[in-house]
C-alpha atoms as a PDB file:
ATOM      1  CA  MET A   1     -67.532 -53.369  -7.932  1.00  0.00           C
ATOM      2  CA  LEU A   2     -71.108 -52.461  -7.015  1.00  0.00           C
ATOM      3  CA  LYS A   3     -70.068 -51.758  -3.405  1.00  0.00           C
ATOM      4  CA  CYS A   4     -67.316 -49.430  -4.616  1.00  0.00           C
ATOM      5  CA  PHE A   5     -69.779 -47.602  -6.865  1.00  0.00           C
ATOM      6  CA  CYS A   6     -72.268 -47.224  -3.991  1.00  0.00           C
ATOM      7  CA  VAL A   7     -69.587 -45.844  -1.668  1.00  0.00           C
ATOM      8  CA  ILE A   8     -68.454 -43.328  -4.298  1.00  0.00           C
ATOM      9  CA  LEU A   9     -72.063 -42.310  -4.922  1.00  0.00           C
ATOM     10  CA  LEU A  10     -72.686 -41.844  -1.192  1.00  0.00           C
ATOM     11  CA  VAL A  11     -69.506 -39.795  -0.677  1.00  0.00           C
ATOM     12  CA  THR A  12     -70.362 -37.622  -3.682  1.00  0.00           C
ATOM     13  CA  GLN A  13     -73.858 -37.006  -2.327  1.00  0.00           C
ATOM     14  CA  VAL A  14     -72.599 -36.081   1.143  1.00  0.00           C
ATOM     15  CA  PHE A  15     -69.968 -33.638  -0.114  1.00  0.00           C
ATOM     16  CA  SER A  16     -72.269 -32.003  -2.675  1.00  0.00           C
ATOM     17  CA  GLN A  17     -74.725 -30.751  -0.044  1.00  0.00           C
ATOM     18  CA  ARG A  18     -75.162 -27.001   0.237  1.00  0.00           C
ATOM     19  CA  SER A  19     -73.185 -25.084   2.784  1.00  0.00           C
ATOM     20  CA  PHE A  20     -75.311 -23.090   5.185  1.00  0.00           C
ATOM     21  CA  TYR A  21     -72.536 -20.863   6.459  1.00  0.00           C
ATOM     22  CA  LYS A  22     -73.201 -17.227   5.775  1.00  0.00           C
ATOM     23  CA  PHE A  23     -71.319 -13.982   6.156  1.00  0.00           C
ATOM     24  CA  ALA A  24     -72.026 -12.243   9.446  1.00  0.00           C
ATOM     25  CA  GLY A  25     -69.779  -9.209   9.068  1.00  0.00           C
ATOM     26  CA  PRO A  26     -70.646  -5.553   8.434  1.00  0.00           C
ATOM     27  CA  LEU A  27     -72.563  -4.772   5.245  1.00  0.00           C
ATOM     28  CA  SER A  28     -72.481  -1.734   2.987  1.00  0.00           C
ATOM     29  CA  GLY A  29     -75.425  -0.239   1.136  1.00  0.00           C
ATOM     30  CA  PRO A  30     -78.918  -1.655   0.727  1.00  0.00           C
ATOM     31  CA  VAL A  31     -79.496  -5.251   1.750  1.00  0.00           C
ATOM     32  CA  GLN A  32     -81.941  -7.543  -0.068  1.00  0.00           C
ATOM     33  CA  GLU A  33     -83.624 -10.354   1.846  1.00  0.00           C
ATOM     34  CA  ILE A  34     -84.071 -13.620  -0.100  1.00  0.00           C
ATOM     35  CA  GLN A  35     -85.535 -17.067   0.557  1.00  0.00           C
ATOM     36  CA  VAL A  36     -83.148 -20.010   0.215  1.00  0.00           C
ATOM     37  CA  ASP A  37     -83.431 -23.736   0.785  1.00  0.00           C
ATOM     38  CA  GLY A  38     -82.408 -24.475   4.345  1.00  0.00           C
ATOM     39  CA  LEU A  39     -81.518 -27.714   6.029  1.00  0.00           C
ATOM     40  CA  HIS A  40     -85.015 -27.916   7.564  1.00  0.00           C
ATOM     41  CA  GLY A  41     -87.029 -26.004   4.951  1.00  0.00           C
ATOM     42  CA  PRO A  42     -86.916 -22.428   3.639  1.00  0.00           C
ATOM     43  CA  ALA A  43     -84.541 -19.990   5.322  1.00  0.00           C
ATOM     44  CA  VAL A  44     -83.780 -16.293   4.998  1.00  0.00           C
ATOM     45  CA  ASP A  45     -80.454 -15.018   3.670  1.00  0.00           C
ATOM     46  CA  TYR A  46     -79.266 -11.596   2.572  1.00  0.00           C
ATOM     47  CA  ILE A  47     -77.608 -10.133  -0.512  1.00  0.00           C
ATOM     48  CA  ALA A  48     -75.659  -6.901  -0.132  1.00  0.00           C
ATOM     49  CA  LYS A  49     -73.717  -4.721  -2.558  1.00  0.00           C
ATOM     50  CA  PRO A  50     -70.048  -5.799  -2.540  1.00  0.00           C
ATOM     51  CA  ASP A  51     -67.958  -2.924  -1.231  1.00  0.00           C
ATOM     52  CA  TYR A  52     -64.412  -3.280   0.085  1.00  0.00           C
ATOM     53  CA  ALA A  53     -60.865  -1.971  -0.044  1.00  0.00           C
ATOM     54  CA  TYR A  54     -57.605  -3.556   1.054  1.00  0.00           C
ATOM     55  CA  SER A  55     -53.887  -3.155   0.606  1.00  0.00           C
ATOM     56  CA  TYR A  56     -50.609  -4.674   1.729  1.00  0.00           C
ATOM     57  CA  GLY A  57     -46.926  -4.387   1.016  1.00  0.00           C
ATOM     58  CA  ILE A  58     -43.856  -6.509   1.669  1.00  0.00           C
ATOM     59  CA  GLU A  59     -40.238  -5.354   1.664  1.00  0.00           C
ATOM     60  CA  ASP A  60     -37.764  -7.980   2.834  1.00  0.00           C
ATOM     61  CA  PRO A  61     -34.193  -6.871   2.092  1.00  0.00           C
ATOM     62  CA  LYS A  62     -32.773 -10.197   3.266  1.00  0.00           C
ATOM     63  CA  THR A  63     -34.607 -12.234   0.605  1.00  0.00           C
ATOM     64  CA  GLY A  64     -35.235  -9.452  -1.905  1.00  0.00           C
ATOM     65  CA  ASN A  65     -38.964 -10.140  -1.757  1.00  0.00           C
ATOM     66  CA  THR A  66     -40.638  -6.825  -2.537  1.00  0.00           C
ATOM     67  CA  HIS A  67     -44.206  -6.462  -3.738  1.00  0.00           C
ATOM     68  CA  SER A  68     -47.408  -4.617  -2.910  1.00  0.00           C
ATOM     69  CA  ARG A  69     -51.060  -4.617  -3.801  1.00  0.00           C
ATOM     70  CA  HIS A  70     -54.150  -2.528  -3.255  1.00  0.00           C
ATOM     71  CA  GLU A  71     -57.659  -3.109  -4.542  1.00  0.00           C
ATOM     72  CA  SER A  72     -61.102  -1.614  -4.065  1.00  0.00           C
ATOM     73  CA  ARG A  73     -64.556  -2.708  -5.136  1.00  0.00           C
ATOM     74  CA  ASN A  74     -67.781  -0.763  -5.395  1.00  0.00           C
ATOM     75  CA  GLY A  75     -70.627  -2.991  -6.553  1.00  0.00           C
ATOM     76  CA  ASP A  76     -69.552  -4.674  -9.784  1.00  0.00           C
ATOM     77  CA  ALA A  77     -66.586  -2.336 -10.428  1.00  0.00           C
ATOM     78  CA  VAL A  78     -63.122  -3.371  -9.208  1.00  0.00           C
ATOM     79  CA  SER A  79     -59.912  -1.371  -9.522  1.00  0.00           C
ATOM     80  CA  GLY A  80     -56.450  -1.882  -8.185  1.00  0.00           C
ATOM     81  CA  GLU A  81     -52.721  -2.030  -8.669  1.00  0.00           C
ATOM     82  CA  TYR A  82     -49.932  -4.404  -7.792  1.00  0.00           C
ATOM     83  CA  THR A  83     -46.158  -4.105  -7.974  1.00  0.00           C
ATOM     84  CA  VAL A  84     -43.455  -6.748  -8.193  1.00  0.00           C
ATOM     85  CA  LEU A  85     -39.673  -6.330  -8.008  1.00  0.00           C
ATOM     86  CA  GLU A  86     -38.229  -8.063 -11.080  1.00  0.00           C
ATOM     87  CA  ALA A  87     -34.914  -9.955 -11.167  1.00  0.00           C
ATOM     88  CA  ASP A  88     -33.273  -7.150 -13.192  1.00  0.00           C
ATOM     89  CA  GLY A  89     -34.049  -4.598 -10.449  1.00  0.00           C
ATOM     90  CA  SER A  90     -36.973  -2.926 -12.189  1.00  0.00           C
ATOM     91  CA  VAL A  91     -40.439  -2.763 -10.658  1.00  0.00           C
ATOM     92  CA  ARG A  92     -43.384  -4.070 -12.658  1.00  0.00           C
ATOM     93  CA  VAL A  93     -46.535  -2.022 -11.997  1.00  0.00           C
ATOM     94  CA  VAL A  94     -49.883  -3.451 -13.095  1.00  0.00           C
ATOM     95  CA  GLN A  95     -52.948  -1.226 -12.843  1.00  0.00           C
ATOM     96  CA  TYR A  96     -56.294  -2.854 -13.537  1.00  0.00           C
ATOM     97  CA  THR A  97     -60.035  -2.312 -13.624  1.00  0.00           C
ATOM     98  CA  ALA A  98     -62.879  -4.752 -14.127  1.00  0.00           C
ATOM     99  CA  ASP A  99     -66.590  -4.232 -14.603  1.00  0.00           C
ATOM    100  CA  PRO A 100     -69.448  -5.937 -16.471  1.00  0.00           C
ATOM    101  CA  HIS A 101     -69.375  -3.410 -19.337  1.00  0.00           C
ATOM    102  CA  ASN A 102     -65.619  -3.329 -20.152  1.00  0.00           C
ATOM    103  CA  GLY A 103     -64.445  -6.631 -18.686  1.00  0.00           C
ATOM    104  CA  PHE A 104     -60.934  -6.891 -17.246  1.00  0.00           C
ATOM    105  CA  GLN A 105     -58.522  -4.174 -18.433  1.00  0.00           C
ATOM    106  CA  ALA A 106     -54.896  -3.968 -17.320  1.00  0.00           C
ATOM    107  CA  THR A 107     -51.965  -1.719 -18.121  1.00  0.00           C
ATOM    108  CA  VAL A 108     -48.406  -2.776 -17.344  1.00  0.00           C
ATOM    109  CA  HIS A 109     -45.371  -0.533 -17.091  1.00  0.00           C
ATOM    110  CA  TYR A 110     -41.914  -0.804 -15.564  1.00  0.00           C
ATOM    111  CA  LYS A 111     -40.021   1.582 -13.289  1.00  0.00           C
ATOM    112  CA  ARG A 112     -36.272   1.633 -12.827  1.00  0.00           C
ATOM    113  CA  ILE A 113     -35.110   2.012  -9.249  1.00  0.00           C
END
């Protein structure tokens, strides 16, 4: 029993270590340099303002799978929309925003095709 406990404790300790992978892609806006605990002492990392936009759409007439999504983020404000083809042939459209002041807000409406 004690051996089992020790093995579980060791596995938990190994898998709870910090990850030192960091984002190396392009950054937007001002970048803040910070000190973090590294594997061999203090290390430097960076914090940047989150800023992105993406979209995609799928229309597969063979399976009937039709949906789309687009989203953008500027700092702490996120906005976007997604659509889904419902079983009755209508399209559900969900438009949403999220920010620290208002929280997550969504409006849903349906379009007939």
